[in-house]
Amino acid sequence: MKIYTAVVERSPETGLFVGFIPGFPGAHTQAESLDELNANLREVVSMLLEDGEPNKGCLVRFSFGAIQQIDLPRACADVVCNSLLIVNGRNAVWAAA
């Protein structure tokens, strides 16, 4: 059994959960619940694997670090509103949440 790590965010515009597998082209979906998102991701990955494994150079070795909430004065918070820190190996990447 192969295990892939998905990054999950909640869209502030739609309220939907959005999930993707870093470095796996086309492996992304959305859903109203986490259970539905998991099922959708499994389906998408299964369909993509029918065409063969993704290029190993594309897949990102993803190791979850942490998620922290940071309190900022309101003026500062508007600048970094809904940001999420994704820790990937030794690199940290900011992504809109």
Protein backbone atom coordinates (compact mmCIF):
# COMPACT_ATOMS: atom_id res chain seq x y z
CA MET A 1 0.00 0.00 0.00
CA LYS A 2 1.36 3.41 -0.96
CA ILE A 3 0.69 6.35 1.36
CA TYR A 4 0.47 9.95 0.15
CA THR A 5 0.22 12.98 2.42
CA ALA A 6 -2.45 15.54 1.55
CA VAL A 7 -2.52 19.18 2.59
CA VAL A 8 -6.03 20.27 3.58
CA GLU A 9 -7.28 23.84 3.81
CA ARG A 10 -10.73 25.31 4.34
CA SER A 11 -11.79 27.88 1.77
CA PRO A 12 -12.97 31.08 3.48
CA GLU A 13 -15.04 31.92 0.38
CA THR A 14 -16.95 28.64 0.02
CA GLY A 15 -16.45 26.91 3.37
CA LEU A 16 -15.38 23.78 1.48
CA PHE A 17 -12.39 21.66 2.43
CA VAL A 18 -9.76 21.73 -0.33
CA GLY A 19 -7.10 19.04 -0.46
CA PHE A 20 -4.06 18.41 -2.63
CA ILE A 21 -1.02 16.16 -2.62
CA PRO A 22 2.15 18.26 -2.94
CA GLY A 23 4.08 17.51 -6.10
CA PHE A 24 1.47 15.09 -7.50
CA PRO A 25 0.15 16.83 -10.63
CA GLY A 26 -3.64 16.78 -10.78
CA ALA A 27 -4.12 15.35 -7.28
CA HIS A 28 -6.51 17.94 -5.85
CA THR A 29 -10.20 18.08 -4.97
CA GLN A 30 -12.73 19.68 -2.64
CA ALA A 31 -15.64 18.55 -0.44
CA GLU A 32 -18.07 19.63 2.25
CA SER A 33 -16.65 17.22 4.89
CA LEU A 34 -13.27 15.69 5.68
CA ASP A 35 -14.63 12.18 5.11
CA GLU A 36 -15.92 13.19 1.68
CA LEU A 37 -12.59 14.91 0.90
CA ASN A 38 -10.67 11.75 1.82
CA ALA A 39 -12.89 9.66 -0.46
CA ASN A 40 -12.52 12.20 -3.28
CA LEU A 41 -8.72 12.27 -2.93
CA ARG A 42 -8.60 8.46 -3.01
CA GLU A 43 -10.67 8.45 -6.19
CA VAL A 44 -8.55 11.14 -7.87
CA VAL A 45 -5.27 9.41 -6.98
CA SER A 46 -6.60 6.03 -8.15
CA MET A 47 -7.58 7.54 -11.51
CA LEU A 48 -4.23 9.30 -11.87
CA LEU A 49 -2.33 6.10 -11.03
CA GLU A 50 -4.11 4.31 -13.90
CA ASP A 51 -1.78 6.38 -16.13
CA GLY A 52 1.24 5.27 -14.07
CA GLU A 53 3.14 6.58 -11.08
CA PRO A 54 4.00 10.29 -11.13
CA ASN A 55 7.58 11.23 -11.90
CA LYS A 56 9.52 10.71 -8.67
CA GLY A 57 11.13 14.10 -9.26
CA CYS A 58 7.67 15.68 -9.01
CA LEU A 59 6.66 14.13 -5.70
CA VAL A 60 7.60 16.20 -2.68
CA ARG A 61 8.85 14.48 0.43
CA PHE A 62 6.36 16.01 2.81
CA SER A 63 6.83 15.85 6.54
CA PHE A 64 4.23 17.65 8.62
CA GLY A 65 5.71 20.17 11.02
CA ALA A 66 3.04 22.15 12.82
CA ILE A 67 0.24 24.65 12.55
CA GLN A 68 0.21 27.59 14.92
CA GLN A 69 -2.21 30.45 15.41
CA ILE A 70 -0.47 33.75 16.00
CA ASP A 71 -2.29 36.73 17.50
CA LEU A 72 -1.50 40.07 15.82
CA PRO A 73 -2.92 43.56 16.15
CA ARG A 74 -5.80 43.94 13.65
CA ALA A 75 -3.83 46.19 11.24
CA CYS A 76 -1.08 43.57 10.94
CA ALA A 77 -3.50 40.66 10.80
CA ASP A 78 -5.09 41.97 7.58
CA VAL A 79 -1.77 41.47 5.79
CA VAL A 80 -1.32 37.82 6.76
CA CYS A 81 -5.01 36.90 7.01
CA ASN A 82 -5.68 33.18 6.68
CA SER A 83 -2.09 32.15 5.94
CA LEU A 84 -0.87 28.63 6.60
CA LEU A 85 2.73 27.55 7.09
CA ILE A 86 3.48 24.28 5.34
CA VAL A 87 6.70 22.67 6.47
CA ASN A 88 8.22 20.53 3.75
CA GLY A 89 11.44 18.85 4.76
CA ARG A 90 13.75 21.77 5.49
CA ASN A 91 11.75 24.38 3.59
CA ALA A 92 8.84 26.43 4.88
CA VAL A 93 6.27 27.60 2.36
CA TRP A 94 3.44 30.05 3.00
CA ALA A 95 0.16 29.24 1.32
CA ALA A 96 -3.14 31.08 1.39
CA ALA A 97 -5.60 29.24 3.59
